[in-house]
Structures are given as C-alpha cells and as structure tokens.
C-alpha cells in the first residue's frame, strides 16, 4: 500500500504547480500588454518632442527621419514669436480658477457627504447637469453677456468660466473622498468642543489631502488645455497658450517643427505639476479603494 502512495505524490505536486504556472504566465502577459499600451500612449508625445528638435525640412520627410542633428532653432523661434505672455495668462487663469474651485467645492462636497442636506441626489444631479449642455450651444449668450459688461479679452472672464466649468467635477470627486472619512473622527472632534469649521479644517482636510491634490490636478489639466472659450472671448491681452498654438497653422501651411516646439513648451508646466504631485495623485485616485 505504501508504494502507490509514493508514486501518486509527485503527480499531485505537479497538478498543484500547474495553476501557479498558469497564473504567472497570465500575469506576465498582462504586464507585457500594459507596457505595449503605455508605449502606444506615450509614443505621440515622444515623437512631438523629437520633432521639436528638428529643422523644419526634416519634420516633413517621408519616411520620417530617425537620425538627425538636434537644434534649438524652433524653440528660439517660438520665444521670439512671444509665447511668454500667453504662458503667463494660462498660468494665472489656471492657478486662480483652481484655487477658487477648491475653495467652493470643499464646503459643497462636505455638505452633501458628511453633513448631507435634504434631497442630496437632486443637488448632485443639478451639479452634473451643468456639464450636459455643449459649450458650443452656450457660447453665443455667454459672448453677448461678456460683451455687454465690457469683459471681452479679459483674463478674469476666463477665470470665472474655468471655475464654473470645473466646479461640478470637483464637487463629485471630493464628495467621494469625503465619504471615505470615518464619521467617528467628526464625532470625536465635536465631543472635544471643536466647531464644524475647525473640524473640517483641522481633522477632515488633512485626511483627504491626497484627494484634494488629485482634484486640483484634474482642474489644472482641464483649465490649461481649454481652447474654445479662450479663442472666442479673447484677442491679444488675455489669449492663452492653446490660442497661441493655432498661430502656427497658416494659409501658407503648417509649421510642424515650430508647432511641436510650442506644444512641448505648453505641455511642460502640466507635466511638471503632475510629477511634483505624483505621490498625492496616486494616493488620491486610490483613496478608499482598500479599507
């Protein structure tokens, strides 16, 4: 009886190892697929950066030139064309509108999560319903109002519009972060005599700071890349970077290398902001995923 048992033991171990091997193969395939997808998304950005260092003639070759002599001529041309004021306008409108969004979205999200108001679902639907109207359908009345109050080509017009544009998304995002805060924290703070404002400032906000960072970065990206309002409501004084990029598309053709250089400069601030906030961003996007 002992011999058959000894013979069956290796076979049993082989059967146990088979699922583990299949799991490793599946994990490896998913890793390879993730790398392929990541490279696919990153390749256009890499090509844009490489083209920015080419001569204009090299940017139009077919097949494309992989080996070339790098030059900074396109970047000098972009700076000579006056990208500085456009960058400052975009930076000012993005930073101020993001600060306003966080200042308004934080108490609103707190009110519909930890301190829910009556008919909270109606309130949330109202917030998100403001994103359902296409911008192109609202640009004419917005233009008429802005023109009548004398705020065309004014950076504060863009700040107000960017704040209104990002506020519903920020409220919904921050509400999900607030809902993950244990209510016991507020109860403990209340028992210690802390007011509601102090509890929010000193107890809740430090807990959801990763979520606030993620929300702020989303608002920065949307405001920095916004084009439709900027191109229709600004001219020279308040035009932003997306409007500047359109200037390289002329009746003479597309200045591809110069456009890539300008787009690279335009993308740098957002990339730097994302790199600085990457730890907070990862924490914020995964906030509440694991309890």
Protein backbone atom coordinates (compact mmCIF):
# COMPACT_ATOMS: atom_id res chain seq x y z
CA UNK A 1 0.00 0.00 0.00
CA UNK A 2 2.94 2.34 0.61
CA UNK A 3 4.33 2.15 -2.93
CA UNK A 4 1.23 3.52 -4.75
CA UNK A 5 1.08 6.41 -2.30
CA UNK A 6 4.69 7.31 -3.06
CA UNK A 7 4.01 7.14 -6.79
CA UNK A 8 0.98 9.42 -6.57
CA UNK A 9 2.78 12.12 -4.59
CA UNK A 10 4.86 13.60 -7.49
CA UNK A 11 1.78 13.66 -9.72
CA UNK A 12 -0.19 15.53 -7.07
CA UNK A 13 2.59 18.11 -6.68
CA UNK A 14 2.66 18.58 -10.47
CA UNK A 15 -1.09 19.24 -10.51
CA UNK A 16 -0.68 21.82 -7.72
CA UNK A 17 2.12 23.64 -9.55
CA UNK A 18 0.20 23.84 -12.83
CA UNK A 19 -2.27 26.58 -11.72
CA UNK A 20 0.63 28.58 -10.25
CA UNK A 21 2.49 28.45 -13.57
CA UNK A 22 -0.64 29.47 -15.45
CA UNK A 23 -1.08 32.39 -13.06
CA UNK A 24 2.49 33.56 -13.63
CA UNK A 25 2.06 33.32 -17.41
CA UNK A 26 -1.17 35.30 -17.26
CA UNK A 27 0.46 37.95 -15.08
CA UNK A 28 3.40 38.21 -17.48
CA UNK A 29 1.07 38.62 -20.47
CA UNK A 30 -0.85 41.37 -18.67
CA UNK A 31 2.43 43.12 -17.85
CA UNK A 32 3.54 42.97 -21.48
CA UNK A 33 0.13 44.21 -22.65
CA UNK A 34 0.28 47.09 -20.15
CA UNK A 35 3.73 48.09 -21.43
CA UNK A 36 2.52 47.97 -25.05
CA UNK A 37 -0.50 50.15 -24.23
CA UNK A 38 1.66 52.56 -22.21
CA UNK A 39 4.22 52.89 -25.01
CA UNK A 40 1.39 53.38 -27.50
CA UNK A 41 0.01 56.30 -25.48
CA UNK A 42 3.46 57.79 -24.87
CA UNK A 43 4.79 57.45 -28.43
CA UNK A 44 2.97 60.52 -29.89
CA UNK A 45 4.37 62.66 -27.07
CA UNK A 46 7.88 61.31 -27.68
CA UNK A 47 7.52 61.98 -31.41
CA UNK A 48 6.35 65.54 -30.72
CA UNK A 49 9.38 66.23 -28.51
CA UNK A 50 11.79 64.74 -31.05
CA UNK A 51 10.21 66.75 -33.89
CA UNK A 52 10.63 69.93 -31.85
CA UNK A 53 14.43 69.49 -32.14
CA UNK A 54 14.36 69.02 -35.94
CA UNK A 55 14.77 71.51 -38.74
CA UNK A 56 11.51 72.35 -40.47
CA UNK A 57 12.59 70.45 -43.60
CA UNK A 58 13.43 67.32 -41.58
CA UNK A 59 9.98 67.30 -39.98
CA UNK A 60 8.29 66.62 -43.33
CA UNK A 61 10.44 63.78 -44.67
CA UNK A 62 8.81 60.55 -45.75
CA UNK A 63 9.75 58.13 -44.34
CA UNK A 64 10.40 60.10 -41.15
CA UNK A 65 14.00 60.81 -40.17
CA UNK A 66 15.03 58.91 -37.07
CA UNK A 67 18.59 60.24 -37.03
CA UNK A 68 19.11 63.99 -37.28
CA UNK A 69 21.18 66.82 -35.86
CA UNK A 70 19.28 68.34 -32.91
CA UNK A 71 18.73 72.08 -32.96
CA UNK A 72 17.15 74.65 -30.66
CA UNK A 73 16.16 76.90 -33.54
CA UNK A 74 12.45 76.08 -33.27
CA UNK A 75 12.38 76.93 -29.56
CA UNK A 76 14.13 80.25 -30.24
CA UNK A 77 11.53 80.98 -32.92
CA UNK A 78 8.71 80.21 -30.51
CA UNK A 79 10.12 82.55 -27.86
CA UNK A 80 10.72 85.24 -30.48
CA UNK A 81 7.07 84.88 -31.51
CA UNK A 82 6.11 85.96 -27.98
CA UNK A 83 4.89 82.87 -26.15
CA UNK A 84 5.72 84.44 -22.76
CA UNK A 85 2.51 86.50 -22.25
CA UNK A 86 0.38 83.54 -23.36
CA UNK A 87 2.09 81.29 -20.82
CA UNK A 88 1.56 83.86 -18.07
CA UNK A 89 -2.14 84.22 -18.98
CA UNK A 90 -2.62 80.45 -18.92
CA UNK A 91 -0.74 80.14 -15.64
CA UNK A 92 -2.70 82.92 -13.94
CA UNK A 93 -6.10 81.72 -15.17
CA UNK A 94 -5.34 78.09 -14.27
CA UNK A 95 -3.95 78.72 -10.78
CA UNK A 96 -6.60 81.24 -9.71
CA UNK A 97 -9.52 79.20 -11.10
CA UNK A 98 -8.22 76.03 -9.43
CA UNK A 99 -7.93 77.79 -6.07
CA UNK A 100 -11.48 79.10 -6.45
CA UNK A 101 -12.77 75.66 -7.41
CA UNK A 102 -11.22 74.04 -4.34
CA UNK A 103 -12.48 76.83 -2.08
CA UNK A 104 -16.05 76.39 -3.36
CA UNK A 105 -16.09 72.62 -3.91
CA UNK A 106 -14.76 71.70 -0.45
CA UNK A 107 -17.71 73.02 1.64
CA UNK A 108 -20.19 71.90 -1.05
CA UNK A 109 -18.83 68.35 -1.10
CA UNK A 110 -18.73 68.32 2.71
CA UNK A 111 -22.38 69.37 2.82
CA UNK A 112 -23.54 66.57 0.51
CA UNK A 113 -21.44 63.83 2.13
CA UNK A 114 -20.62 64.06 5.84
CA UNK A 115 -23.33 66.64 6.52
CA UNK A 116 -25.94 65.70 3.91
CA UNK A 117 -28.57 68.27 3.02
CA UNK A 118 -32.17 67.49 2.07
CA UNK A 119 -32.73 65.97 -1.39
CA UNK A 120 -29.00 65.44 -1.82
CA UNK A 121 -29.49 63.43 -5.02
CA UNK A 122 -31.28 66.40 -6.61
CA UNK A 123 -28.40 68.65 -5.63
CA UNK A 124 -25.84 66.27 -7.13
CA UNK A 125 -27.85 65.92 -10.32
CA UNK A 126 -28.04 69.69 -10.63
CA UNK A 127 -24.26 69.95 -10.36
CA UNK A 128 -23.59 67.33 -13.01
CA UNK A 129 -26.40 68.54 -15.29
CA UNK A 130 -24.45 71.75 -15.88
CA UNK A 131 -21.90 69.62 -17.79
CA UNK A 132 -24.54 68.17 -20.12
CA UNK A 133 -25.03 71.34 -22.19
CA UNK A 134 -22.50 71.52 -25.05
CA UNK A 135 -20.24 74.55 -24.76
CA UNK A 136 -20.87 75.46 -28.38
CA UNK A 137 -24.59 75.82 -27.60
CA UNK A 138 -23.89 78.31 -24.81
CA UNK A 139 -21.12 80.40 -26.40
CA UNK A 140 -23.46 82.92 -28.07
CA UNK A 141 -25.32 84.02 -24.89
CA UNK A 142 -22.03 83.95 -22.97
CA UNK A 143 -20.43 86.16 -25.63
CA UNK A 144 -23.37 88.60 -25.53
CA UNK A 145 -23.26 88.88 -21.73
CA UNK A 146 -19.48 89.26 -21.62
CA UNK A 147 -19.59 91.88 -24.36
CA UNK A 148 -22.35 93.86 -22.62
CA UNK A 149 -20.43 94.02 -19.34
CA UNK A 150 -17.24 95.03 -21.15
CA UNK A 151 -15.18 91.97 -20.22
CA UNK A 152 -14.14 90.69 -23.64
CA UNK A 153 -10.42 89.92 -23.86
CA UNK A 154 -10.22 89.94 -20.06
CA UNK A 155 -8.39 87.24 -18.12
CA UNK A 156 -10.96 87.37 -15.31
CA UNK A 157 -13.64 86.27 -17.75
CA UNK A 158 -11.69 83.07 -18.37
CA UNK A 159 -11.15 82.60 -14.63
CA UNK A 160 -14.89 82.79 -13.95
CA UNK A 161 -15.70 80.40 -16.81
CA UNK A 162 -12.96 77.93 -15.87
CA UNK A 163 -14.20 77.93 -12.28
CA UNK A 164 -17.76 77.22 -13.41
CA UNK A 165 -16.50 74.58 -15.84
CA UNK A 166 -14.52 72.60 -13.25
CA UNK A 167 -16.70 73.09 -10.17
CA UNK A 168 -19.23 70.26 -10.84
CA UNK A 169 -16.47 67.71 -11.46
CA UNK A 170 -14.61 68.84 -8.33
CA UNK A 171 -17.73 68.53 -6.17
CA UNK A 172 -18.38 64.98 -7.37
CA UNK A 173 -14.76 63.93 -6.93
CA UNK A 174 -14.35 65.44 -3.48
CA UNK A 175 -17.69 64.04 -2.32
CA UNK A 176 -16.35 60.53 -2.95
CA UNK A 177 -13.26 61.36 -0.88
CA UNK A 178 -15.31 62.86 1.96
CA UNK A 179 -17.48 59.74 2.11
CA UNK A 180 -14.42 57.65 2.95
CA UNK A 181 -13.68 59.71 6.07
CA UNK A 182 -14.84 57.86 9.22
CA UNK A 183 -17.69 59.77 10.84
CA UNK A 184 -16.20 58.86 14.21
CA UNK A 185 -13.49 61.50 13.57
CA UNK A 186 -16.09 64.25 13.41
CA UNK A 187 -17.91 62.88 16.43
CA UNK A 188 -14.68 62.82 18.43
CA UNK A 189 -13.82 66.36 17.38
CA UNK A 190 -17.32 67.53 18.30
CA UNK A 191 -17.05 65.92 21.73
CA UNK A 192 -13.75 67.77 22.25
CA UNK A 193 -15.56 71.05 21.62
CA UNK A 194 -14.32 71.75 18.08
CA UNK A 195 -16.64 73.76 15.87
CA UNK A 196 -17.76 72.46 12.50
CA UNK A 197 -15.39 74.79 10.65
CA UNK A 198 -12.47 73.78 12.86
CA UNK A 199 -13.30 70.08 12.46
CA UNK A 200 -13.32 70.50 8.70
CA UNK A 201 -10.07 72.46 8.69
CA UNK A 202 -8.02 70.51 11.21
CA UNK A 203 -9.50 67.00 11.12
CA UNK A 204 -11.10 66.25 7.76
CA UNK A 205 -8.95 68.19 5.30
CA UNK A 206 -5.64 66.58 6.37
CA UNK A 207 -7.23 63.15 5.82
CA UNK A 208 -8.49 63.94 2.31
CA UNK A 209 -5.45 65.97 1.21
CA UNK A 210 -4.45 63.31 -1.40
CA UNK A 211 -7.95 63.55 -2.87
CA UNK A 212 -7.73 67.33 -2.97
CA UNK A 213 -4.40 67.07 -4.80
CA UNK A 214 -5.93 64.72 -7.37
CA UNK A 215 -8.91 67.05 -7.84
CA UNK A 216 -6.65 70.09 -8.19
CA UNK A 217 -4.52 68.38 -10.84
CA UNK A 218 -7.62 67.42 -12.86
CA UNK A 219 -8.80 71.04 -12.70
CA UNK A 220 -5.34 72.29 -13.74
CA UNK A 221 -5.29 69.99 -16.78
CA UNK A 222 -8.80 70.99 -17.90
CA UNK A 223 -8.18 74.73 -17.41
CA UNK A 224 -4.71 74.71 -19.01
CA UNK A 225 -5.93 72.86 -22.13
CA UNK A 226 -9.19 74.78 -22.57
CA UNK A 227 -9.41 76.30 -26.06
CA UNK A 228 -13.00 77.09 -27.03
CA UNK A 229 -13.68 79.88 -24.52
CA UNK A 230 -10.21 81.34 -24.99
CA UNK A 231 -10.36 81.53 -28.77
CA UNK A 232 -13.85 83.09 -28.81
CA UNK A 233 -13.62 85.51 -25.88
CA UNK A 234 -10.03 86.75 -26.05
CA UNK A 235 -7.90 88.56 -28.62
CA UNK A 236 -4.48 89.87 -27.66
CA UNK A 237 -4.36 90.76 -23.97
CA UNK A 238 -5.91 87.62 -22.40
CA UNK A 239 -5.17 84.92 -25.00
CA UNK A 240 -3.83 81.65 -23.59
CA UNK A 241 -1.35 79.04 -24.84
CA UNK A 242 -3.86 76.97 -26.89
CA UNK A 243 -4.72 80.13 -28.83
CA UNK A 244 -1.01 80.78 -29.41
CA UNK A 245 -0.55 77.28 -30.87
CA UNK A 246 -3.16 77.94 -33.53
CA UNK A 247 -0.96 80.73 -34.90
CA UNK A 248 1.37 78.13 -36.44
CA UNK A 249 -1.45 76.93 -38.71
CA UNK A 250 -1.45 79.49 -41.52
CA UNK A 251 -2.62 79.78 -45.12
CA UNK A 252 0.97 79.05 -46.14
CA UNK A 253 0.83 75.67 -44.47
CA UNK A 254 1.61 74.03 -41.15
CA UNK A 255 4.93 74.85 -39.47
CA UNK A 256 5.17 71.40 -37.99
CA UNK A 257 8.51 71.61 -36.17
CA UNK A 258 7.68 75.02 -34.67
CA UNK A 259 4.24 73.78 -33.63
CA UNK A 260 5.82 70.77 -31.90
CA UNK A 261 8.29 73.05 -30.10
CA UNK A 262 5.47 75.30 -28.91
CA UNK A 263 3.37 72.29 -27.87
CA UNK A 264 6.31 70.87 -25.93
CA UNK A 265 6.70 74.14 -24.02
CA UNK A 266 2.94 74.25 -23.45
CA UNK A 267 2.91 70.72 -22.03
CA UNK A 268 5.86 71.21 -19.67
CA UNK A 269 4.02 73.05 -16.84
CA UNK A 270 1.34 70.36 -16.57
CA UNK A 271 3.94 67.58 -16.74
CA UNK A 272 5.98 69.25 -14.00
CA UNK A 273 2.86 69.74 -11.85
CA UNK A 274 1.93 66.09 -12.29
CA UNK A 275 5.46 64.96 -11.46
CA UNK A 276 5.54 67.05 -8.28
CA UNK A 277 2.13 65.80 -7.16
CA UNK A 278 2.52 62.20 -8.32
CA UNK A 279 2.57 60.68 -4.83
CA UNK A 280 -0.50 62.62 -3.74
CA UNK A 281 -2.16 61.87 -7.08
CA UNK A 282 -1.74 58.10 -6.73
CA UNK A 283 -2.99 58.23 -3.14
CA UNK A 284 -5.94 60.38 -4.16
CA UNK A 285 -7.01 58.24 -7.11
CA UNK A 286 -6.82 55.10 -4.95
CA UNK A 287 -8.39 56.78 -1.91
CA UNK A 288 -10.93 54.43 -0.38
CA UNK A 289 -10.15 51.58 -2.78
CA UNK A 290 -8.71 49.48 0.05
CA UNK A 291 -10.11 49.65 3.53
